[in-house]
N, C-alpha and C. Protein backbone atom coordinates (compact mmCIF):
# COMPACT_ATOMS: atom_id res chain seq x y z
N MET A 1 1.65 -13.47 0.53
CA MET A 1 1.78 -11.51 0.80
C MET A 1 0.10 -11.79 1.87
N ASP A 2 0.14 -10.72 2.35
CA ASP A 2 -0.90 -10.81 3.42
C ASP A 2 -2.35 -10.18 3.27
N ASP A 3 -3.37 -10.18 3.46
CA ASP A 3 -4.36 -9.75 3.68
C ASP A 3 -4.23 -8.35 2.10
N LYS A 4 -4.44 -7.35 3.59
CA LYS A 4 -3.31 -5.71 2.69
C LYS A 4 -2.61 -6.04 1.01
N GLU A 5 -2.34 -6.48 1.16
CA GLU A 5 -0.87 -6.57 0.22
C GLU A 5 -1.59 -7.77 -1.44
N LYS A 6 -2.81 -8.47 -0.82
CA LYS A 6 -3.45 -9.31 -2.31
C LYS A 6 -4.80 -7.72 -2.49
N VAL A 7 -5.19 -7.00 -1.37
CA VAL A 7 -6.23 -5.89 -1.67
C VAL A 7 -5.53 -4.87 -2.57
N MET A 8 -4.23 -4.05 -2.22
CA MET A 8 -3.79 -3.08 -2.77
C MET A 8 -3.22 -3.21 -4.55
N GLU A 9 -3.03 -5.00 -4.46
CA GLU A 9 -2.94 -5.87 -5.77
C GLU A 9 -4.28 -5.46 -6.39
N ALA A 10 -4.95 -5.81 -5.88
CA ALA A 10 -6.42 -6.23 -6.41
C ALA A 10 -6.42 -4.50 -7.49
N PHE A 11 -6.12 -3.58 -6.28
CA PHE A 11 -6.48 -2.31 -6.84
C PHE A 11 -5.50 -1.11 -7.90
N ARG A 12 -4.13 -2.47 -7.68
CA ARG A 12 -3.52 -1.94 -8.61
C ARG A 12 -3.17 -3.07 -10.57
N SER A 13 -4.13 -3.31 -10.19
CA SER A 13 -4.53 -4.07 -11.27
C SER A 13 -5.90 -4.35 -12.17
N SER A 14 -6.28 -2.55 -11.70
CA SER A 14 -7.78 -2.73 -12.13
C SER A 14 -7.50 -0.82 -12.80
N ASP A 15 -8.18 -1.54 -13.92
CA ASP A 15 -8.24 0.24 -14.97
C ASP A 15 -9.39 1.20 -14.77
N GLU A 16 -10.77 0.09 -13.48
CA GLU A 16 -11.27 1.39 -13.10
C GLU A 16 -11.42 1.23 -12.10
N PRO A 17 -12.27 1.81 -11.11
CA PRO A 17 -12.09 2.21 -9.69
C PRO A 17 -13.39 0.83 -9.45
N LEU A 18 -13.01 0.49 -8.45
CA LEU A 18 -13.93 -1.46 -7.67
C LEU A 18 -14.69 -0.46 -6.43
N ASN A 19 -15.72 -1.69 -6.31
CA ASN A 19 -16.53 -1.50 -4.96
C ASN A 19 -15.59 -2.95 -4.24
N ALA A 20 -16.11 -2.80 -2.96
CA ALA A 20 -15.88 -4.08 -2.05
C ALA A 20 -15.83 -5.43 -2.38
N LYS A 21 -17.36 -5.67 -2.84
CA LYS A 21 -17.85 -6.72 -3.40
C LYS A 21 -16.20 -7.38 -4.09
N THR A 22 -15.79 -6.44 -5.43
CA THR A 22 -14.85 -6.64 -6.44
C THR A 22 -13.79 -6.66 -6.72
N VAL A 23 -13.01 -6.21 -5.35
CA VAL A 23 -12.13 -6.41 -4.66
C VAL A 23 -11.77 -7.87 -4.23
N SER A 24 -12.99 -7.95 -3.16
CA SER A 24 -13.51 -9.10 -2.97
C SER A 24 -13.41 -10.29 -3.37
N GLU A 25 -13.20 -10.56 -4.82
CA GLU A 25 -13.66 -11.72 -5.74
C GLU A 25 -12.33 -11.77 -6.29
N ILE A 26 -11.97 -10.67 -5.77
CA ILE A 26 -10.37 -10.85 -7.48
C ILE A 26 -9.88 -11.53 -6.50
N SER A 27 -9.22 -10.63 -4.84
CA SER A 27 -8.23 -10.80 -4.41
C SER A 27 -8.41 -12.09 -3.65
N GLY A 28 -9.37 -12.14 -3.75
CA GLY A 28 -9.63 -14.04 -2.90
C GLY A 28 -9.60 -13.98 -1.31
N VAL A 29 -9.85 -12.99 -0.46
CA VAL A 29 -10.18 -12.01 0.31
C VAL A 29 -11.71 -12.10 1.07
N ASP A 30 -11.55 -12.26 2.38
CA ASP A 30 -13.12 -12.08 2.47
C ASP A 30 -13.15 -10.84 2.69
N LYS A 31 -14.89 -11.36 2.28
CA LYS A 31 -15.71 -8.92 2.02
C LYS A 31 -15.05 -8.71 3.86
N LYS A 32 -15.68 -9.26 4.54
CA LYS A 32 -15.21 -8.06 5.98
C LYS A 32 -14.32 -7.71 5.81
N GLU A 33 -12.54 -8.40 5.89
CA GLU A 33 -11.31 -8.11 5.97
C GLU A 33 -10.86 -7.58 5.07
N VAL A 34 -11.73 -7.19 3.68
CA VAL A 34 -11.17 -6.15 2.70
C VAL A 34 -13.19 -4.65 3.09
N ASP A 35 -13.46 -4.89 3.56
CA ASP A 35 -13.94 -3.44 3.97
C ASP A 35 -13.20 -2.87 5.87
N LYS A 36 -13.12 -3.81 6.66
CA LYS A 36 -11.73 -3.52 7.62
C LYS A 36 -10.79 -2.67 6.69
N ILE A 37 -9.63 -2.75 5.75
CA ILE A 37 -8.40 -2.87 5.34
C ILE A 37 -8.69 -1.68 4.20
N MET A 38 -9.92 -2.10 3.97
CA MET A 38 -10.44 0.11 2.96
C MET A 38 -10.55 -0.07 3.71
N LYS A 39 -11.45 -0.01 5.15
CA LYS A 39 -11.30 1.54 5.77
C LYS A 39 -9.94 1.85 6.07
N GLU A 40 -9.37 1.06 6.70
CA GLU A 40 -7.62 1.67 6.66
C GLU A 40 -6.72 2.42 6.00
N LEU A 41 -7.22 2.06 4.28
CA LEU A 41 -6.90 2.55 2.97
C LEU A 41 -7.46 3.88 3.12
N LYS A 42 -8.50 4.19 3.46
CA LYS A 42 -9.28 5.56 3.08
C LYS A 42 -9.11 6.51 4.24
N LYS A 43 -8.62 6.25 5.82
CA LYS A 43 -8.00 7.02 6.29
C LYS A 43 -6.83 7.31 5.70
N ASP A 44 -6.01 6.05 5.16
CA ASP A 44 -4.54 7.00 5.36
C ASP A 44 -4.63 7.90 3.72
N GLU A 45 -5.61 7.74 2.74
CA GLU A 45 -5.94 8.20 1.81
C GLU A 45 -4.91 7.87 0.65
N THR A 46 -4.57 6.51 1.08
CA THR A 46 -4.20 5.68 0.35
C THR A 46 -5.34 5.37 -1.22
N ILE A 47 -6.10 4.97 -0.83
CA ILE A 47 -7.85 4.91 -1.46
C ILE A 47 -8.26 6.41 -1.75
N VAL A 48 -8.72 6.93 -2.85
CA VAL A 48 -10.00 8.22 -2.71
C VAL A 48 -11.06 7.57 -3.73
N SER A 49 -12.37 8.12 -3.85
CA SER A 49 -13.60 7.32 -4.57
C SER A 49 -14.23 8.64 -5.60
N PRO A 50 -14.35 8.26 -6.45
CA PRO A 50 -14.61 8.94 -7.43
C PRO A 50 -16.04 9.18 -8.15
N LYS A 51 -15.86 8.04 -7.56
CA LYS A 51 -18.00 8.02 -7.14
C LYS A 51 -18.28 7.01 -6.28
N ARG A 52 -19.65 7.48 -6.39
CA ARG A 52 -20.26 7.34 -4.16
C ARG A 52 -19.91 5.27 -3.93
N CYS A 53 -19.21 4.75 -4.08
CA CYS A 53 -19.44 3.36 -2.96
C CYS A 53 -17.86 3.14 -3.86
N TYR A 54 -17.15 3.31 -5.25
CA TYR A 54 -16.28 2.69 -5.87
C TYR A 54 -15.06 3.62 -5.41
N TRP A 55 -13.38 2.75 -5.09
CA TRP A 55 -12.92 3.49 -4.38
C TRP A 55 -11.95 2.78 -5.88
N THR A 56 -10.82 3.82 -5.85
CA THR A 56 -9.57 3.63 -6.76
C THR A 56 -7.92 4.29 -6.53
N LEU A 57 -6.63 4.13 -6.52
CA LEU A 57 -5.80 4.42 -5.55
C LEU A 57 -5.88 5.79 -5.52
N ALA A 58 -4.97 6.68 -4.89
CA ALA A 58 -5.06 7.84 -4.51
C ALA A 58 -3.88 8.87 -5.30
N GLU A 59 -3.52 9.32 -6.50
CA GLU A 59 -2.81 9.46 -7.33
C GLU A 59 -1.75 10.42 -6.64
N LYS A 60 -0.66 10.26 -6.56
CA LYS A 60 0.42 10.39 -5.60
C LYS A 60 1.79 10.57 -6.53
């Protein structure tokens, strides 16, 4: 499983919005790498922010 899949799995497994630090802890991926992956996911609108600095998967 690559880092992007690990980050996506962290979002799928959580019932609440997550920040980058929490995603890093859950997925085991370095926080700098999580930041890069989350930037891509934001651009694709795969994740959305219900409150400042916290993210969750977009409803599709």
